[in-house]
Amino acid sequence: MYVVTAVPGGGHYRQILNDKGVGWIADHWGLHLAVSIFCYGVIALAVLTTTMFFRHPHMQRVS
């Protein structure tokens, strides 16, 4: 089940683009590389999100 969010280009449409991108890479350069690139992208997004979360002013310790 896909959820369409209020964010433009979010939810269902973003997932379709991810699937098409991985499929295109797999067709041209192989499935192993496509899955690896997708996984590295997810890891990079998680690191970016975590960094932004902990650097947010509300997460800073008040002394």
N, C-alpha and C. Protein backbone atom coordinates (compact mmCIF):
# COMPACT_ATOMS: atom_id res chain seq x y z
N MET A 1 0.83 -1.18 0.00
CA MET A 1 0.00 0.00 0.00
C MET A 1 0.88 1.24 0.00
N TYR A 2 0.59 2.16 -0.90
CA TYR A 2 1.33 3.41 -0.98
C TYR A 2 0.51 4.52 -0.35
N VAL A 3 1.18 5.44 0.31
CA VAL A 3 0.51 6.57 0.92
C VAL A 3 0.96 7.83 0.18
N VAL A 4 0.01 8.59 -0.33
CA VAL A 4 0.33 9.84 -1.00
C VAL A 4 0.36 10.92 0.06
N THR A 5 1.50 11.58 0.21
CA THR A 5 1.65 12.60 1.24
C THR A 5 1.26 13.96 0.69
N ALA A 6 1.24 14.95 1.57
CA ALA A 6 0.92 16.32 1.16
C ALA A 6 2.12 17.01 0.53
N VAL A 7 3.29 16.39 0.60
CA VAL A 7 4.50 16.97 0.03
C VAL A 7 4.46 16.77 -1.48
N PRO A 8 4.66 17.85 -2.25
CA PRO A 8 4.66 17.69 -3.71
C PRO A 8 5.73 16.70 -4.14
N GLY A 9 5.37 15.79 -4.98
CA GLY A 9 6.32 14.79 -5.45
C GLY A 9 6.60 13.70 -4.42
N GLY A 10 5.82 13.62 -3.38
CA GLY A 10 6.08 12.66 -2.32
C GLY A 10 5.25 11.40 -2.47
N GLY A 11 5.47 10.48 -1.56
CA GLY A 11 4.64 9.29 -1.49
C GLY A 11 4.75 8.38 -2.70
N HIS A 12 3.62 8.11 -3.30
CA HIS A 12 3.50 7.15 -4.39
C HIS A 12 4.39 7.51 -5.57
N TYR A 13 4.41 8.77 -5.96
CA TYR A 13 5.17 9.17 -7.14
C TYR A 13 6.67 9.04 -6.92
N ARG A 14 7.13 9.37 -5.73
CA ARG A 14 8.56 9.23 -5.44
C ARG A 14 8.97 7.76 -5.48
N GLN A 15 8.11 6.88 -4.98
CA GLN A 15 8.42 5.45 -5.01
C GLN A 15 8.50 4.94 -6.45
N ILE A 16 7.62 5.42 -7.31
CA ILE A 16 7.67 5.01 -8.71
C ILE A 16 8.99 5.44 -9.33
N LEU A 17 9.44 6.66 -9.04
CA LEU A 17 10.71 7.13 -9.59
C LEU A 17 11.87 6.29 -9.07
N ASN A 18 11.85 5.92 -7.79
CA ASN A 18 12.89 5.05 -7.25
C ASN A 18 12.92 3.71 -7.97
N ASP A 19 11.74 3.12 -8.17
CA ASP A 19 11.66 1.82 -8.84
C ASP A 19 12.15 1.90 -10.27
N LYS A 20 11.75 2.95 -10.97
CA LYS A 20 12.18 3.12 -12.36
C LYS A 20 13.69 3.36 -12.44
N GLY A 21 14.21 4.14 -11.51
CA GLY A 21 15.66 4.42 -11.51
C GLY A 21 16.47 3.16 -11.27
N VAL A 22 16.07 2.37 -10.28
CA VAL A 22 16.77 1.12 -10.00
C VAL A 22 16.63 0.15 -11.17
N GLY A 23 15.46 0.11 -11.77
CA GLY A 23 15.25 -0.76 -12.93
C GLY A 23 16.10 -0.35 -14.11
N TRP A 24 16.21 0.95 -14.36
CA TRP A 24 17.03 1.44 -15.48
C TRP A 24 18.50 1.11 -15.26
N ILE A 25 18.99 1.33 -14.04
CA ILE A 25 20.39 1.00 -13.74
C ILE A 25 20.61 -0.50 -13.87
N ALA A 26 19.66 -1.30 -13.38
CA ALA A 26 19.78 -2.76 -13.48
C ALA A 26 19.82 -3.21 -14.94
N ASP A 27 19.01 -2.61 -15.79
CA ASP A 27 19.00 -2.97 -17.21
C ASP A 27 20.31 -2.63 -17.89
N HIS A 28 20.92 -1.52 -17.50
CA HIS A 28 22.13 -1.06 -18.20
C HIS A 28 23.42 -1.57 -17.57
N TRP A 29 23.47 -1.69 -16.25
CA TRP A 29 24.73 -2.06 -15.60
C TRP A 29 24.64 -3.25 -14.67
N GLY A 30 23.49 -3.84 -14.50
CA GLY A 30 23.37 -5.04 -13.68
C GLY A 30 22.63 -4.81 -12.37
N LEU A 31 21.99 -5.87 -11.92
CA LEU A 31 21.16 -5.79 -10.72
C LEU A 31 21.99 -5.52 -9.47
N HIS A 32 23.17 -6.14 -9.38
CA HIS A 32 24.00 -5.97 -8.18
C HIS A 32 24.36 -4.50 -7.99
N LEU A 33 24.77 -3.83 -9.06
CA LEU A 33 25.13 -2.41 -8.96
C LEU A 33 23.90 -1.57 -8.64
N ALA A 34 22.77 -1.87 -9.24
CA ALA A 34 21.54 -1.10 -8.99
C ALA A 34 21.12 -1.19 -7.53
N VAL A 35 21.14 -2.38 -6.97
CA VAL A 35 20.76 -2.55 -5.57
C VAL A 35 21.78 -1.88 -4.66
N SER A 36 23.05 -1.98 -5.00
CA SER A 36 24.09 -1.34 -4.20
C SER A 36 23.92 0.18 -4.19
N ILE A 37 23.68 0.77 -5.34
CA ILE A 37 23.48 2.22 -5.42
C ILE A 37 22.26 2.63 -4.62
N PHE A 38 21.18 1.85 -4.73
CA PHE A 38 19.97 2.16 -3.97
C PHE A 38 20.24 2.10 -2.46
N CYS A 39 20.95 1.07 -2.02
CA CYS A 39 21.24 0.92 -0.59
C CYS A 39 22.15 2.05 -0.09
N TYR A 40 23.16 2.40 -0.87
CA TYR A 40 24.03 3.50 -0.47
C TYR A 40 23.27 4.82 -0.42
N GLY A 41 22.31 5.00 -1.32
CA GLY A 41 21.47 6.19 -1.28
C GLY A 41 20.62 6.25 -0.02
N VAL A 42 20.06 5.12 0.37
CA VAL A 42 19.26 5.05 1.60
C VAL A 42 20.13 5.35 2.81
N ILE A 43 21.34 4.80 2.83
CA ILE A 43 22.26 5.05 3.94
C ILE A 43 22.63 6.53 4.00
N ALA A 44 22.93 7.14 2.85
CA ALA A 44 23.28 8.56 2.81
C ALA A 44 22.12 9.42 3.31
N LEU A 45 20.90 9.07 2.91
CA LEU A 45 19.73 9.82 3.35
C LEU A 45 19.54 9.67 4.87
N ALA A 46 19.77 8.48 5.40
CA ALA A 46 19.64 8.26 6.84
C ALA A 46 20.68 9.06 7.62
N VAL A 47 21.91 9.09 7.12
CA VAL A 47 22.97 9.86 7.79
C VAL A 47 22.63 11.35 7.76
N LEU A 48 22.18 11.84 6.62
CA LEU A 48 21.81 13.25 6.50
C LEU A 48 20.66 13.59 7.45
N THR A 49 19.64 12.75 7.49
CA THR A 49 18.49 13.00 8.36
C THR A 49 18.90 12.97 9.83
N THR A 50 19.73 12.01 10.21
CA THR A 50 20.19 11.91 11.59
C THR A 50 21.01 13.13 11.98
N THR A 51 21.90 13.56 11.09
CA THR A 51 22.73 14.73 11.36
C THR A 51 21.86 15.97 11.53
N MET A 52 20.90 16.15 10.64
CA MET A 52 20.02 17.31 10.76
C MET A 52 19.19 17.25 12.04
N PHE A 53 18.77 16.06 12.43
CA PHE A 53 17.98 15.90 13.66
C PHE A 53 18.77 16.32 14.88
N PHE A 54 20.00 15.84 14.99
CA PHE A 54 20.79 16.14 16.18
C PHE A 54 21.36 17.55 16.18
N ARG A 55 21.45 18.20 15.03
CA ARG A 55 21.93 19.58 14.97
C ARG A 55 20.80 20.60 15.12
N HIS A 56 19.56 20.13 15.14
CA HIS A 56 18.41 21.03 15.28
C HIS A 56 18.48 21.72 16.64
N PRO A 57 18.16 23.02 16.69
CA PRO A 57 18.25 23.76 17.96
C PRO A 57 17.45 23.14 19.11
N HIS A 58 16.32 22.51 18.84
CA HIS A 58 15.53 21.90 19.90
C HIS A 58 16.20 20.67 20.49
N MET A 59 17.17 20.11 19.79
CA MET A 59 17.86 18.93 20.32
C MET A 59 19.11 19.30 21.11
N GLN A 60 19.49 20.57 21.10
CA GLN A 60 20.68 21.00 21.82
C GLN A 60 20.37 21.05 23.32
N ARG A 61 21.31 20.61 24.11
CA ARG A 61 21.14 20.58 25.57
C ARG A 61 21.20 22.01 26.12
N VAL A 62 20.24 22.37 26.92
CA VAL A 62 20.22 23.69 27.55
C VAL A 62 20.93 23.57 28.88
N SER A 63 21.96 24.45 29.08
CA SER A 63 22.69 24.36 30.35
C SER A 63 22.48 25.57 31.21
